[in-house]
Amino acid sequence: MRRPIENEIYDMEENKEAVAAPSMLEETKALVEELKKANAERKELLDREERFKSEMLLGGRSDAGKPAVVVDVKEQERKARIKALGDITGAKWAKDMVL
């Protein structure tokens, strides 16, 4: 069972031969170093991701100058109804007609 900290400090003063565990300050410094490394790595990854996204955005293709696609809503609705009817009845002619 672990003794209270006051006793440990008292024991260390009395018995100089006791093996000292790493102090909280040393542990904190080690953790800070680990965090700095992790943050540097994360920053590098974020920079790479940002460059990649910029290249994808700027290097992408453009649809400028191409004619706009005209969508006939009524024709799409008609095809959807025929397909639904064919699906319900299992009629092969309905599927062929939609295509």
N, C-alpha and C. Protein backbone atom coordinates (compact mmCIF):
# COMPACT_ATOMS: atom_id res chain seq x y z
N MET A 1 0.85 -1.18 0.00
CA MET A 1 0.00 0.00 0.00
C MET A 1 0.89 1.24 0.00
N ARG A 2 0.47 2.25 -0.73
CA ARG A 2 1.26 3.46 -0.89
C ARG A 2 1.07 4.37 0.33
N ARG A 3 2.21 4.93 0.78
CA ARG A 3 2.15 5.85 1.92
C ARG A 3 1.93 7.28 1.44
N PRO A 4 1.45 8.14 2.30
CA PRO A 4 1.23 9.54 1.90
C PRO A 4 2.55 10.22 1.49
N ILE A 5 2.44 11.28 0.72
CA ILE A 5 3.60 12.00 0.20
C ILE A 5 4.44 12.58 1.34
N GLU A 6 3.82 13.07 2.40
CA GLU A 6 4.57 13.66 3.50
C GLU A 6 5.57 12.63 4.06
N ASN A 7 5.13 11.38 4.20
CA ASN A 7 6.01 10.34 4.71
C ASN A 7 7.15 10.06 3.73
N GLU A 8 6.87 10.09 2.44
CA GLU A 8 7.92 9.84 1.46
C GLU A 8 8.98 10.92 1.53
N ILE A 9 8.55 12.17 1.63
CA ILE A 9 9.51 13.27 1.73
C ILE A 9 10.32 13.11 3.02
N TYR A 10 9.65 12.81 4.08
CA TYR A 10 10.33 12.63 5.36
C TYR A 10 11.32 11.48 5.26
N ASP A 11 10.91 10.36 4.67
CA ASP A 11 11.79 9.20 4.54
C ASP A 11 13.01 9.54 3.69
N MET A 12 12.83 10.30 2.61
CA MET A 12 13.95 10.62 1.74
C MET A 12 14.95 11.51 2.45
N GLU A 13 14.48 12.40 3.31
CA GLU A 13 15.41 13.25 4.06
C GLU A 13 16.20 12.42 5.06
N GLU A 14 15.56 11.48 5.66
CA GLU A 14 16.21 10.63 6.66
C GLU A 14 17.15 9.63 6.01
N ASN A 15 16.72 9.02 4.90
CA ASN A 15 17.48 7.97 4.27
C ASN A 15 17.91 8.42 2.88
N LYS A 16 19.10 8.95 2.77
CA LYS A 16 19.60 9.50 1.52
C LYS A 16 19.88 8.40 0.49
N GLU A 17 19.93 7.15 0.89
CA GLU A 17 20.22 6.05 -0.01
C GLU A 17 18.98 5.58 -0.78
N ALA A 18 17.83 6.10 -0.42
CA ALA A 18 16.59 5.69 -1.09
C ALA A 18 16.66 6.08 -2.56
N VAL A 19 16.13 5.20 -3.40
CA VAL A 19 16.14 5.47 -4.84
C VAL A 19 15.03 6.46 -5.13
N ALA A 20 15.40 7.58 -5.72
CA ALA A 20 14.42 8.62 -6.00
C ALA A 20 13.71 8.32 -7.31
N ALA A 21 12.40 8.37 -7.26
CA ALA A 21 11.60 8.20 -8.46
C ALA A 21 11.65 9.50 -9.25
N PRO A 22 11.39 9.44 -10.55
CA PRO A 22 11.40 10.68 -11.33
C PRO A 22 10.42 11.69 -10.74
N SER A 23 10.86 12.89 -10.63
CA SER A 23 10.01 13.90 -10.02
C SER A 23 8.89 14.29 -10.99
N MET A 24 7.90 14.93 -10.46
CA MET A 24 6.79 15.36 -11.29
C MET A 24 7.26 16.36 -12.34
N LEU A 25 8.25 17.15 -11.99
CA LEU A 25 8.78 18.13 -12.93
C LEU A 25 9.44 17.44 -14.12
N GLU A 26 10.20 16.39 -13.86
CA GLU A 26 10.84 15.64 -14.94
C GLU A 26 9.80 14.96 -15.82
N GLU A 27 8.79 14.38 -15.21
CA GLU A 27 7.72 13.74 -15.97
C GLU A 27 6.99 14.76 -16.82
N THR A 28 6.74 15.93 -16.25
CA THR A 28 6.05 16.99 -16.98
C THR A 28 6.89 17.44 -18.17
N LYS A 29 8.20 17.60 -17.97
CA LYS A 29 9.08 18.00 -19.06
C LYS A 29 9.06 16.97 -20.18
N ALA A 30 9.07 15.70 -19.80
CA ALA A 30 9.04 14.64 -20.81
C ALA A 30 7.72 14.68 -21.59
N LEU A 31 6.62 14.89 -20.88
CA LEU A 31 5.32 14.98 -21.54
C LEU A 31 5.24 16.19 -22.46
N VAL A 32 5.83 17.30 -22.03
CA VAL A 32 5.83 18.51 -22.86
C VAL A 32 6.59 18.24 -24.16
N GLU A 33 7.72 17.55 -24.05
CA GLU A 33 8.50 17.23 -25.25
C GLU A 33 7.71 16.33 -26.19
N GLU A 34 7.03 15.35 -25.65
CA GLU A 34 6.20 14.47 -26.47
C GLU A 34 5.10 15.25 -27.16
N LEU A 35 4.46 16.17 -26.43
CA LEU A 35 3.40 16.98 -27.01
C LEU A 35 3.94 17.89 -28.11
N LYS A 36 5.12 18.46 -27.90
CA LYS A 36 5.73 19.30 -28.93
C LYS A 36 5.98 18.51 -30.20
N LYS A 37 6.50 17.29 -30.06
CA LYS A 37 6.74 16.44 -31.23
C LYS A 37 5.44 16.10 -31.93
N ALA A 38 4.42 15.74 -31.14
CA ALA A 38 3.12 15.38 -31.72
C ALA A 38 2.49 16.58 -32.42
N ASN A 39 2.61 17.77 -31.82
CA ASN A 39 2.05 18.97 -32.44
C ASN A 39 2.79 19.31 -33.73
N ALA A 40 4.10 19.16 -33.74
CA ALA A 40 4.88 19.43 -34.95
C ALA A 40 4.47 18.47 -36.07
N GLU A 41 4.30 17.20 -35.72
CA GLU A 41 3.88 16.21 -36.71
C GLU A 41 2.47 16.52 -37.22
N ARG A 42 1.58 16.89 -36.32
CA ARG A 42 0.20 17.23 -36.70
C ARG A 42 0.19 18.45 -37.62
N LYS A 43 1.02 19.46 -37.30
CA LYS A 43 1.10 20.66 -38.13
C LYS A 43 1.58 20.31 -39.53
N GLU A 44 2.58 19.43 -39.61
CA GLU A 44 3.09 19.00 -40.91
C GLU A 44 2.00 18.29 -41.72
N LEU A 45 1.25 17.43 -41.06
CA LEU A 45 0.16 16.72 -41.74
C LEU A 45 -0.93 17.69 -42.20
N LEU A 46 -1.26 18.67 -41.38
CA LEU A 46 -2.28 19.64 -41.77
C LEU A 46 -1.80 20.49 -42.94
N ASP A 47 -0.52 20.87 -42.95
CA ASP A 47 0.04 21.62 -44.07
C ASP A 47 -0.03 20.82 -45.35
N ARG A 48 0.32 19.53 -45.26
CA ARG A 48 0.26 18.67 -46.45
C ARG A 48 -1.18 18.54 -46.94
N GLU A 49 -2.13 18.39 -46.01
CA GLU A 49 -3.53 18.27 -46.39
C GLU A 49 -4.02 19.55 -47.06
N GLU A 50 -3.61 20.70 -46.52
CA GLU A 50 -4.01 21.97 -47.10
C GLU A 50 -3.45 22.13 -48.51
N ARG A 51 -2.18 21.76 -48.71
CA ARG A 51 -1.58 21.83 -50.05
C ARG A 51 -2.32 20.90 -51.00
N PHE A 52 -2.64 19.70 -50.54
CA PHE A 52 -3.35 18.73 -51.37
C PHE A 52 -4.71 19.26 -51.79
N LYS A 53 -5.47 19.82 -50.84
CA LYS A 53 -6.78 20.36 -51.16
C LYS A 53 -6.68 21.54 -52.13
N SER A 54 -5.67 22.38 -51.95
CA SER A 54 -5.48 23.50 -52.86
C SER A 54 -5.18 23.01 -54.27
N GLU A 55 -4.32 22.02 -54.37
CA GLU A 55 -4.00 21.46 -55.68
C GLU A 55 -5.22 20.84 -56.34
N MET A 56 -6.04 20.15 -55.55
CA MET A 56 -7.24 19.55 -56.10
C MET A 56 -8.22 20.63 -56.57
N LEU A 57 -8.34 21.69 -55.80
CA LEU A 57 -9.27 22.76 -56.13
C LEU A 57 -8.78 23.54 -57.35
N LEU A 58 -7.52 23.91 -57.35
CA LEU A 58 -6.99 24.73 -58.43
C LEU A 58 -6.65 23.91 -59.67
N GLY A 59 -6.29 22.66 -59.46
CA GLY A 59 -5.89 21.83 -60.59
C GLY A 59 -7.04 21.06 -61.19
N GLY A 60 -8.23 21.27 -60.69
CA GLY A 60 -9.39 20.52 -61.19
C GLY A 60 -9.82 21.00 -62.56
N ARG A 61 -10.74 20.29 -63.15
CA ARG A 61 -11.20 20.65 -64.47
C ARG A 61 -12.30 21.70 -64.36
N SER A 62 -12.50 22.40 -65.43
CA SER A 62 -13.50 23.47 -65.46
C SER A 62 -14.61 23.09 -66.42
N ASP A 63 -15.81 23.47 -66.10
CA ASP A 63 -16.95 23.24 -66.98
C ASP A 63 -17.30 24.50 -67.77
N ALA A 64 -16.45 25.51 -67.67
CA ALA A 64 -16.71 26.77 -68.38
C ALA A 64 -16.67 26.54 -69.88
N GLY A 65 -17.61 27.16 -70.59
CA GLY A 65 -17.65 27.05 -72.03
C GLY A 65 -18.42 25.85 -72.55
N LYS A 66 -18.79 24.96 -71.69
CA LYS A 66 -19.56 23.79 -72.12
C LYS A 66 -21.05 24.12 -72.07
N PRO A 67 -21.82 23.57 -73.00
CA PRO A 67 -23.25 23.85 -72.96
C PRO A 67 -23.89 23.24 -71.72
N ALA A 68 -24.87 23.94 -71.19
CA ALA A 68 -25.56 23.46 -70.00
C ALA A 68 -26.40 22.24 -70.36
N VAL A 69 -26.47 21.30 -69.44
CA VAL A 69 -27.27 20.10 -69.65
C VAL A 69 -28.73 20.44 -69.37
N VAL A 70 -29.58 20.16 -70.33
CA VAL A 70 -31.01 20.44 -70.18
C VAL A 70 -31.68 19.19 -69.64
N VAL A 71 -32.37 19.36 -68.53
CA VAL A 71 -33.05 18.24 -67.88
C VAL A 71 -34.55 18.40 -68.11
N ASP A 72 -35.15 17.40 -68.68
CA ASP A 72 -36.59 17.40 -68.91
C ASP A 72 -37.24 16.68 -67.73
N VAL A 73 -37.81 17.46 -66.85
CA VAL A 73 -38.39 16.92 -65.62
C VAL A 73 -39.56 16.00 -65.93
N LYS A 74 -40.38 16.39 -66.87
CA LYS A 74 -41.56 15.56 -67.19
C LYS A 74 -41.13 14.20 -67.75
N GLU A 75 -40.09 14.20 -68.58
CA GLU A 75 -39.60 12.94 -69.13
C GLU A 75 -39.02 12.05 -68.03
N GLN A 76 -38.30 12.65 -67.08
CA GLN A 76 -37.76 11.88 -65.96
C GLN A 76 -38.88 11.29 -65.12
N GLU A 77 -39.93 12.06 -64.88
CA GLU A 77 -41.06 11.55 -64.10
C GLU A 77 -41.75 10.39 -64.83
N ARG A 78 -41.92 10.53 -66.16
CA ARG A 78 -42.55 9.48 -66.95
C ARG A 78 -41.74 8.19 -66.87
N LYS A 79 -40.41 8.31 -67.02
CA LYS A 79 -39.54 7.14 -66.95
C LYS A 79 -39.58 6.50 -65.57
N ALA A 80 -39.64 7.33 -64.53
CA ALA A 80 -39.69 6.81 -63.17
C ALA A 80 -40.98 6.03 -62.93
N ARG A 81 -42.12 6.55 -63.46
CA ARG A 81 -43.39 5.84 -63.30
C ARG A 81 -43.38 4.51 -64.05
N ILE A 82 -42.83 4.52 -65.27
CA ILE A 82 -42.77 3.28 -66.05
C ILE A 82 -41.88 2.25 -65.35
N LYS A 83 -40.74 2.73 -64.83
CA LYS A 83 -39.82 1.82 -64.12
C LYS A 83 -40.49 1.25 -62.88
N ALA A 84 -41.19 2.11 -62.12
CA ALA A 84 -41.87 1.64 -60.91
C ALA A 84 -42.93 0.60 -61.27
N LEU A 85 -43.69 0.86 -62.34
CA LEU A 85 -44.71 -0.09 -62.78
C LEU A 85 -44.07 -1.41 -63.19
N GLY A 86 -42.94 -1.32 -63.91
CA GLY A 86 -42.23 -2.53 -64.32
C GLY A 86 -41.68 -3.29 -63.14
N ASP A 87 -41.19 -2.57 -62.14
CA ASP A 87 -40.66 -3.23 -60.94
C ASP A 87 -41.77 -3.96 -60.18
N ILE A 88 -42.92 -3.31 -60.11
CA ILE A 88 -44.03 -3.91 -59.37
C ILE A 88 -44.55 -5.16 -60.08
N THR A 89 -44.72 -5.05 -61.39
CA THR A 89 -45.31 -6.16 -62.14
C THR A 89 -44.27 -7.17 -62.62
N GLY A 90 -43.03 -6.78 -62.63
CA GLY A 90 -41.98 -7.67 -63.11
C GLY A 90 -41.93 -7.73 -64.62
N ALA A 91 -42.51 -6.73 -65.28
CA ALA A 91 -42.57 -6.70 -66.74
C ALA A 91 -41.22 -6.28 -67.33
N LYS A 92 -40.71 -7.11 -68.21
CA LYS A 92 -39.43 -6.83 -68.84
C LYS A 92 -39.56 -5.66 -69.82
N TRP A 93 -40.73 -5.53 -70.47
CA TRP A 93 -40.92 -4.45 -71.45
C TRP A 93 -40.76 -3.07 -70.83
N ALA A 94 -41.16 -2.92 -69.53
CA ALA A 94 -41.07 -1.63 -68.87
C ALA A 94 -39.60 -1.24 -68.66
N LYS A 95 -38.79 -2.20 -68.31
CA LYS A 95 -37.38 -1.91 -68.09
C LYS A 95 -36.70 -1.55 -69.41
N ASP A 96 -37.06 -2.27 -70.47
CA ASP A 96 -36.49 -1.98 -71.79
C ASP A 96 -36.94 -0.61 -72.30
N MET A 97 -38.16 -0.24 -72.00
CA MET A 97 -38.70 1.04 -72.46
C MET A 97 -38.02 2.23 -71.79
N VAL A 98 -37.68 2.09 -70.53
CA VAL A 98 -37.03 3.17 -69.78
C VAL A 98 -35.62 3.40 -70.29
N LEU A 99 -34.93 2.33 -70.64
CA LEU A 99 -33.57 2.46 -71.11
C LEU A 99 -33.58 3.15 -72.44
